[in-house]
N, C-alpha and C. Protein backbone atom coordinates (compact mmCIF):
# COMPACT_ATOMS: atom_id res chain seq x y z
N MET A 1 -4.25 56.21 -31.69
CA MET A 1 -4.64 55.78 -30.48
C MET A 1 -5.26 56.88 -29.59
N THR A 2 -6.14 56.91 -28.39
CA THR A 2 -6.38 57.79 -28.06
C THR A 2 -5.32 57.84 -27.21
N ARG A 3 -5.60 59.32 -26.57
CA ARG A 3 -4.93 59.23 -25.07
C ARG A 3 -5.38 58.35 -24.18
N ASN A 4 -6.49 58.22 -23.87
CA ASN A 4 -7.31 57.80 -23.12
C ASN A 4 -6.78 55.84 -22.94
N ALA A 5 -6.53 55.57 -24.53
CA ALA A 5 -6.67 54.28 -24.78
C ALA A 5 -5.16 53.40 -24.56
N ILE A 6 -4.27 54.48 -24.62
CA ILE A 6 -3.21 54.37 -24.27
C ILE A 6 -2.50 53.99 -22.75
N VAL A 7 -3.45 55.09 -22.19
CA VAL A 7 -3.72 54.91 -20.56
C VAL A 7 -3.84 53.69 -19.95
N ALA A 8 -4.94 53.13 -20.56
CA ALA A 8 -6.00 51.90 -20.38
C ALA A 8 -4.78 50.93 -20.98
N LEU A 9 -4.72 51.00 -21.84
CA LEU A 9 -3.62 49.80 -22.08
C LEU A 9 -2.27 49.70 -21.27
N SER A 10 -2.06 50.70 -21.33
CA SER A 10 -0.86 50.61 -20.12
C SER A 10 -0.74 50.13 -18.61
N LEU A 11 -2.21 50.15 -17.99
CA LEU A 11 -2.23 49.99 -17.09
C LEU A 11 -3.02 48.46 -16.98
N VAL A 12 -3.49 48.13 -18.26
CA VAL A 12 -3.84 46.55 -18.72
C VAL A 12 -2.32 45.43 -18.54
N LEU A 13 -1.81 46.03 -19.33
CA LEU A 13 0.05 45.83 -19.59
C LEU A 13 0.91 45.42 -18.05
N ALA A 14 0.39 46.67 -17.35
CA ALA A 14 1.51 46.80 -16.05
C ALA A 14 0.36 45.78 -14.92
N ALA A 15 -1.03 45.83 -15.31
CA ALA A 15 -1.60 44.65 -14.26
C ALA A 15 -1.32 43.32 -14.39
N CYS A 16 -0.87 43.00 -16.21
CA CYS A 16 -0.48 41.59 -16.36
C CYS A 16 0.83 41.13 -15.84
N SER A 17 1.96 42.13 -15.93
CA SER A 17 3.07 42.19 -15.62
C SER A 17 3.52 41.45 -14.42
N GLN A 18 2.65 41.95 -13.79
CA GLN A 18 2.24 42.09 -11.34
C GLN A 18 1.95 40.42 -11.25
N THR A 19 0.66 40.10 -12.38
CA THR A 19 0.72 38.69 -12.03
C THR A 19 1.02 37.16 -12.72
N ARG A 20 2.63 38.06 -13.16
CA ARG A 20 2.68 36.66 -14.02
C ARG A 20 3.48 35.64 -12.92
N LYS A 21 3.38 34.68 -13.05
CA LYS A 21 3.55 32.76 -11.93
C LYS A 21 4.92 32.86 -12.75
N PRO A 22 5.70 32.72 -11.85
CA PRO A 22 7.05 32.13 -11.99
C PRO A 22 7.10 31.07 -12.83
N ALA A 23 7.78 30.91 -13.73
CA ALA A 23 8.34 29.73 -14.59
C ALA A 23 8.53 28.31 -13.57
N PRO A 24 7.71 27.11 -14.39
CA PRO A 24 7.38 25.88 -13.42
C PRO A 24 9.31 25.55 -13.07
N GLN A 25 9.42 24.71 -11.88
CA GLN A 25 10.84 24.14 -12.12
C GLN A 25 10.89 23.06 -12.75
N ALA A 26 11.87 22.73 -13.30
CA ALA A 26 12.12 21.91 -14.35
C ALA A 26 11.66 20.26 -13.76
N ALA A 27 11.35 19.72 -14.19
CA ALA A 27 11.02 18.16 -13.46
C ALA A 27 12.36 17.77 -13.67
N VAL A 28 12.38 16.40 -13.39
CA VAL A 28 13.66 15.24 -13.44
C VAL A 28 13.65 14.91 -15.04
N THR A 29 14.59 15.30 -15.55
CA THR A 29 14.89 15.40 -17.33
C THR A 29 14.36 13.94 -17.78
N PRO A 30 13.26 14.44 -18.67
CA PRO A 30 12.74 13.13 -19.16
C PRO A 30 13.79 12.15 -19.87
N GLY A 31 13.90 10.37 -19.43
CA GLY A 31 14.89 9.78 -20.33
C GLY A 31 16.16 9.64 -19.29
N ALA A 32 16.05 10.17 -18.10
CA ALA A 32 17.29 10.23 -17.35
C ALA A 32 16.88 9.65 -16.64
N VAL A 33 17.29 8.53 -16.29
CA VAL A 33 17.41 7.29 -15.62
C VAL A 33 19.10 7.30 -14.84
N PRO A 34 18.65 7.52 -13.93
CA PRO A 34 20.17 6.72 -12.81
C PRO A 34 19.98 4.87 -13.06
N SER A 35 21.51 5.31 -13.23
CA SER A 35 22.44 4.02 -13.81
C SER A 35 22.64 3.02 -12.61
N PRO A 36 22.72 1.85 -12.35
CA PRO A 36 23.01 1.27 -11.57
C PRO A 36 24.29 1.19 -11.63
N ILE A 37 25.54 1.47 -10.62
CA ILE A 37 26.35 0.81 -10.50
C ILE A 37 26.99 -0.26 -10.46
N GLU A 38 27.22 -0.18 -8.76
CA GLU A 38 27.51 -0.99 -7.82
C GLU A 38 26.34 -1.69 -6.86
N PRO A 39 26.53 -2.60 -6.81
CA PRO A 39 26.89 -3.70 -7.39
C PRO A 39 27.01 -4.32 -8.57
N PRO A 40 27.76 -4.48 -9.41
CA PRO A 40 27.25 -4.72 -10.88
C PRO A 40 26.48 -6.25 -11.04
N ASP A 41 25.54 -5.97 -12.13
CA ASP A 41 24.69 -7.16 -12.06
C ASP A 41 25.26 -8.61 -12.13
N GLN A 42 24.78 -9.41 -11.54
CA GLN A 42 24.95 -10.58 -11.03
C GLN A 42 25.86 -10.65 -10.61
N SER A 43 26.33 -9.75 -9.03
CA SER A 43 27.03 -9.89 -8.42
C SER A 43 27.03 -11.55 -7.57
N VAL A 44 28.03 -11.74 -7.39
CA VAL A 44 27.28 -13.14 -5.71
C VAL A 44 28.39 -12.64 -4.89
N PHE A 45 28.07 -12.61 -3.46
CA PHE A 45 28.96 -12.28 -2.47
C PHE A 45 28.62 -13.77 -1.65
N THR A 46 29.74 -13.57 -0.44
CA THR A 46 29.76 -14.86 0.40
C THR A 46 30.19 -13.84 2.11
N HIS A 47 30.51 -12.59 1.97
CA HIS A 47 30.72 -12.10 3.48
C HIS A 47 29.62 -11.60 4.19
N HIS A 48 29.71 -11.34 5.57
CA HIS A 48 29.02 -11.23 6.50
C HIS A 48 29.41 -10.21 7.47
N PRO A 49 28.99 -8.98 8.01
CA PRO A 49 27.47 -9.21 7.15
C PRO A 49 26.84 -9.25 6.32
N ARG A 50 26.00 -9.09 5.65
CA ARG A 50 25.53 -8.69 4.29
C ARG A 50 25.26 -7.38 3.96
N THR A 51 26.29 -6.86 4.29
CA THR A 51 25.59 -5.13 3.89
C THR A 51 26.44 -5.47 2.54
N VAL A 52 25.58 -4.48 1.38
CA VAL A 52 25.87 -4.22 0.10
C VAL A 52 25.91 -2.81 -0.10
N HIS A 53 26.77 -2.57 -0.58
CA HIS A 53 27.02 -1.05 -0.51
C HIS A 53 26.41 -0.81 -2.41
N PHE A 54 24.94 0.30 -2.52
CA PHE A 54 24.46 0.54 -3.67
C PHE A 54 25.28 2.04 -4.12
N ARG A 55 25.10 1.67 -5.57
CA ARG A 55 25.63 3.57 -5.76
C ARG A 55 25.04 3.20 -7.25
N TRP A 56 24.85 4.23 -7.32
CA TRP A 56 23.65 4.79 -9.00
C TRP A 56 24.73 5.64 -9.78
N SER A 57 24.47 6.31 -11.00
CA SER A 57 24.80 7.48 -11.50
C SER A 57 23.76 8.72 -11.14
N ALA A 58 24.24 9.82 -10.91
CA ALA A 58 23.43 10.94 -11.17
C ALA A 58 22.40 11.57 -12.09
N ALA A 59 21.13 12.16 -11.82
CA ALA A 59 20.06 12.27 -12.89
C ALA A 59 20.16 13.46 -12.57
N PRO A 60 20.41 14.67 -14.03
CA PRO A 60 20.09 15.84 -13.79
C PRO A 60 18.36 16.08 -13.40
N GLN A 61 17.91 17.04 -12.61
CA GLN A 61 17.23 17.63 -11.80
C GLN A 61 16.65 17.03 -10.50
N ALA A 62 17.92 15.72 -10.35
CA ALA A 62 17.31 14.95 -8.77
C ALA A 62 17.32 15.99 -7.84
N ALA A 63 16.26 15.55 -7.12
CA ALA A 63 16.16 16.42 -5.80
C ALA A 63 16.53 15.46 -4.78
N THR A 64 16.20 14.30 -4.97
CA THR A 64 16.12 13.32 -4.13
C THR A 64 16.49 12.03 -5.24
N TYR A 65 16.40 10.61 -3.89
CA TYR A 65 16.69 9.39 -5.17
C TYR A 65 15.91 8.21 -4.22
N SER A 66 15.01 7.47 -4.86
CA SER A 66 14.47 6.63 -4.44
C SER A 66 15.03 4.95 -4.92
N ILE A 67 15.26 4.20 -3.99
CA ILE A 67 15.73 2.83 -4.49
C ILE A 67 14.86 1.31 -3.76
N GLU A 68 14.74 0.70 -4.42
CA GLU A 68 13.62 -0.36 -4.55
C GLU A 68 14.70 -1.80 -4.81
N ILE A 69 14.75 -2.54 -3.32
CA ILE A 69 15.21 -3.94 -2.81
C ILE A 69 14.70 -4.88 -2.81
N ASP A 70 14.87 -5.54 -3.93
CA ASP A 70 13.74 -6.84 -3.60
C ASP A 70 14.11 -7.78 -3.46
N CYS A 71 13.59 -8.86 -3.07
CA CYS A 71 14.42 -10.04 -2.16
C CYS A 71 13.77 -11.51 -3.07
N TYR A 72 14.48 -12.17 -3.34
CA TYR A 72 13.69 -13.67 -3.76
C TYR A 72 13.47 -15.00 -2.21
N HIS A 73 12.24 -15.36 -2.55
CA HIS A 73 11.95 -16.53 -1.61
C HIS A 73 12.29 -15.62 -0.15
N CYS A 74 11.97 -14.51 0.00
CA CYS A 74 12.07 -13.64 1.42
C CYS A 74 10.34 -13.83 2.03
N CYS A 75 9.38 -13.55 1.32
CA CYS A 75 8.47 -13.67 1.34
C CYS A 75 7.16 -14.43 0.88
N VAL A 76 7.39 -15.38 0.14
CA VAL A 76 6.88 -16.50 -0.35
C VAL A 76 7.69 -17.18 -0.98
N LYS A 77 8.31 -18.66 -1.37
CA LYS A 77 8.76 -19.54 -1.82
C LYS A 77 8.80 -19.20 -3.32
N ASP A 78 10.30 -19.00 -4.07
CA ASP A 78 10.05 -19.00 -5.72
C ASP A 78 9.09 -17.60 -5.94
N ARG A 79 9.41 -16.55 -4.96
CA ARG A 79 8.90 -15.50 -5.98
C ARG A 79 9.21 -14.27 -5.37
N TRP A 80 9.54 -13.25 -6.01
CA TRP A 80 10.37 -12.00 -5.55
C TRP A 80 9.27 -11.20 -4.51
N CYS A 81 9.03 -10.95 -3.41
CA CYS A 81 8.71 -9.84 -2.61
C CYS A 81 7.94 -9.08 -3.20
N SER A 82 8.14 -8.34 -4.40
CA SER A 82 7.63 -7.36 -5.35
C SER A 82 6.52 -7.94 -6.01
N ASP A 83 6.88 -9.13 -6.55
CA ASP A 83 5.40 -10.05 -7.20
C ASP A 83 4.41 -10.06 -5.98
N VAL A 84 4.66 -10.52 -5.51
CA VAL A 84 3.34 -10.93 -3.31
C VAL A 84 3.18 -9.92 -3.03
N GLN A 85 3.85 -8.66 -2.97
CA GLN A 85 3.13 -7.58 -2.07
C GLN A 85 3.57 -6.17 -3.22
N GLY A 86 3.76 -6.45 -3.92
CA GLY A 86 3.21 -4.92 -5.07
C GLY A 86 4.56 -4.27 -5.23
N THR A 87 5.57 -4.30 -4.04
CA THR A 87 6.88 -3.86 -4.14
C THR A 87 7.51 -4.29 -3.25
N GLY A 88 8.85 -4.39 -3.35
CA GLY A 88 9.78 -4.83 -2.48
C GLY A 88 10.31 -3.35 -1.41
N TYR A 89 11.16 -3.46 -1.07
CA TYR A 89 11.88 -2.82 0.39
C TYR A 89 12.14 -1.39 -0.54
N VAL A 90 11.44 -0.37 0.11
CA VAL A 90 11.83 1.09 -0.50
C VAL A 90 12.04 1.86 0.17
N VAL A 91 13.19 2.80 -0.43
CA VAL A 91 13.84 3.47 0.42
C VAL A 91 13.59 5.27 -0.22
N ARG A 92 13.51 6.08 0.20
CA ARG A 92 12.58 7.71 -0.26
C ARG A 92 13.37 8.55 0.47
N ASN A 93 14.02 9.50 -0.33
CA ASN A 93 14.40 11.04 -0.15
C ASN A 93 16.11 10.33 0.54
N LEU A 94 16.75 9.96 -0.44
CA LEU A 94 17.86 9.61 -0.62
C LEU A 94 18.55 10.94 -1.24
N LYS A 95 19.44 11.62 -0.54
CA LYS A 95 20.16 12.79 -1.00
C LYS A 95 21.40 12.84 -1.93
N GLN A 96 21.98 11.30 -1.70
CA GLN A 96 23.22 11.00 -2.21
C GLN A 96 22.95 9.97 -3.65
N PRO A 97 23.55 9.94 -4.69
CA PRO A 97 23.38 8.41 -5.08
C PRO A 97 23.60 7.24 -5.05
N ALA A 98 23.81 6.86 -3.74
CA ALA A 98 24.64 5.82 -3.18
C ALA A 98 23.81 5.50 -1.76
N PHE A 99 23.56 4.00 -1.04
CA PHE A 99 22.92 4.01 -0.10
C PHE A 99 23.28 2.40 0.28
N ASP A 100 23.71 2.33 1.85
CA ASP A 100 24.44 0.83 1.98
C ASP A 100 22.98 0.23 2.82
N PHE A 101 23.17 -0.59 2.97
CA PHE A 101 21.86 -1.76 3.15
C PHE A 101 22.28 -3.43 3.55
N ASP A 102 22.13 -3.63 4.56
CA ASP A 102 22.19 -5.33 5.67
C ASP A 102 20.59 -6.35 4.44
N PHE A 103 21.75 -7.08 3.77
CA PHE A 103 20.65 -7.88 3.59
C PHE A 103 20.40 -8.60 4.05
N TRP A 104 18.83 -9.79 3.84
CA TRP A 104 18.32 -10.48 4.75
C TRP A 104 18.82 -12.18 5.13
N GLY A 105 19.63 -12.19 4.00
CA GLY A 105 20.08 -13.39 3.68
C GLY A 105 20.78 -14.23 2.97
N ASP A 106 21.06 -15.24 2.25
CA ASP A 106 21.53 -15.97 1.62
C ASP A 106 20.60 -16.49 0.22
N GLN A 107 19.90 -15.67 -0.16
CA GLN A 107 19.24 -15.49 -1.72
C GLN A 107 19.71 -14.53 -2.61
N ALA A 108 18.79 -14.68 -3.72
CA ALA A 108 18.58 -13.92 -4.87
C ALA A 108 18.52 -12.13 -4.13
N GLY A 109 18.92 -11.51 -4.65
CA GLY A 109 18.29 -9.81 -4.43
C GLY A 109 18.12 -9.68 -5.92
N ARG A 110 17.77 -8.20 -6.24
CA ARG A 110 17.85 -7.57 -7.27
C ARG A 110 17.59 -6.02 -6.54
N TRP A 111 17.82 -5.20 -7.12
CA TRP A 111 17.49 -3.14 -7.13
C TRP A 111 17.47 -2.35 -8.01
N ARG A 112 17.06 -1.33 -7.76
CA ARG A 112 16.71 -0.82 -9.07
C ARG A 112 16.40 0.55 -8.11
N VAL A 113 16.84 2.01 -9.07
CA VAL A 113 16.75 3.26 -8.59
C VAL A 113 16.24 4.53 -9.45
N TRP A 114 15.77 5.19 -9.04
CA TRP A 114 14.89 6.60 -9.82
C TRP A 114 15.14 7.90 -8.88
N ALA A 115 15.11 8.97 -10.00
CA ALA A 115 14.98 9.85 -9.65
C ALA A 115 13.76 10.70 -9.46
N VAL A 116 13.94 11.76 -7.97
CA VAL A 116 12.35 12.61 -7.86
C VAL A 116 12.91 13.87 -7.48
N ASP A 117 11.94 14.91 -8.77
CA ASP A 117 12.69 16.38 -8.74
C ASP A 117 12.00 16.95 -7.88
N ALA A 118 12.38 18.38 -7.47
CA ALA A 118 12.20 19.03 -6.07
C ALA A 118 10.37 19.33 -5.96
N ARG A 119 9.76 18.83 -6.89
CA ARG A 119 8.41 18.80 -6.37
C ARG A 119 7.85 17.38 -6.55
N SER A 120 8.97 16.35 -5.98
CA SER A 120 8.31 15.36 -5.66
C SER A 120 7.77 14.39 -6.75
N GLN A 121 7.67 14.92 -7.90
CA GLN A 121 7.72 13.81 -8.93
C GLN A 121 8.99 12.68 -9.48
N PRO A 122 8.37 11.31 -9.06
CA PRO A 122 9.10 10.33 -9.52
C PRO A 122 9.75 10.78 -10.97
N GLY A 123 10.69 10.40 -11.29
CA GLY A 123 11.12 9.74 -12.61
C GLY A 123 11.03 8.52 -12.96
N ARG A 124 11.70 7.82 -14.40
CA ARG A 124 11.45 6.44 -14.68
C ARG A 124 11.87 5.91 -14.00
N LYS A 125 12.31 4.01 -13.67
CA LYS A 125 12.93 3.45 -12.63
C LYS A 125 14.05 3.15 -13.48
N SER A 126 15.17 2.59 -13.20
CA SER A 126 15.93 1.80 -13.70
C SER A 126 16.09 0.86 -14.05
N ALA A 127 16.38 -0.05 -14.98
CA ALA A 127 16.15 -1.76 -14.53
C ALA A 127 16.30 -2.40 -13.89
N TRP A 128 16.17 -3.26 -13.56
CA TRP A 128 16.20 -4.18 -12.41
C TRP A 128 17.89 -4.66 -12.90
N SER A 129 18.75 -4.54 -11.25
CA SER A 129 20.16 -5.18 -11.30
C SER A 129 20.09 -6.39 -10.59
N ASN A 130 20.69 -7.65 -11.00
CA ASN A 130 20.62 -8.67 -9.40
C ASN A 130 21.95 -8.91 -8.98
N PHE A 131 22.04 -9.49 -7.80
CA PHE A 131 23.02 -9.79 -6.80
C PHE A 131 22.50 -11.06 -5.81
N SER A 132 23.32 -11.85 -5.43
CA SER A 132 22.69 -13.45 -4.27
C SER A 132 24.24 -12.90 -3.69
N PHE A 133 23.84 -13.34 -2.45
CA PHE A 133 24.60 -13.98 -1.72
C PHE A 133 24.56 -15.80 -0.95
N ARG A 134 25.40 -16.00 -0.79
CA ARG A 134 25.50 -17.60 -0.66
C ARG A 134 26.78 -17.22 0.69
N GLY A 135 26.38 -18.91 1.17
CA GLY A 135 27.12 -18.81 2.80
C GLY A 135 28.56 -18.70 2.66
N SER A 136 29.00 -19.64 1.83
CA SER A 136 30.60 -19.34 1.74
C SER A 136 30.67 -19.38 0.71
N ALA A 137 32.00 -18.86 0.51
CA ALA A 137 33.14 -18.79 -0.65
C ALA A 137 33.16 -20.55 -1.40
N SER A 138 33.13 -20.72 -2.63
CA SER A 138 33.21 -22.14 -3.29
C SER A 138 34.55 -22.12 -2.78
N PRO A 139 34.55 -23.35 -2.66
CA PRO A 139 36.63 -23.87 -2.98
C PRO A 139 37.62 -24.26 -3.83
């Protein structure tokens, strides 16, 4: 190679190294779906106020979490609100894998969660976990 060719190649390589973009941040790990922990699926509550303490497993690369809480009979008789409205009650930007919520009444509910990465890309949603409230404890 000639001296001019070496100088030209060096300039091209230097220019390329200066325009290199940083590696993209990792997205929520595929398949890493938070798992509902609390309340356990099919829980039945009788307490007032109807505060539910939701808790789930952490997901790798999660910047925040979202939770969807759904209610049976709240929007239309014999239907889930998510079936009527397209979604239940969604809370976003949760920093911790936990959320406390005052549920609406004495009926069935369900919930699911998902992780959101640093680029605001949502991961897959967990399976629904069910719970219900009854007015009072059984004798």
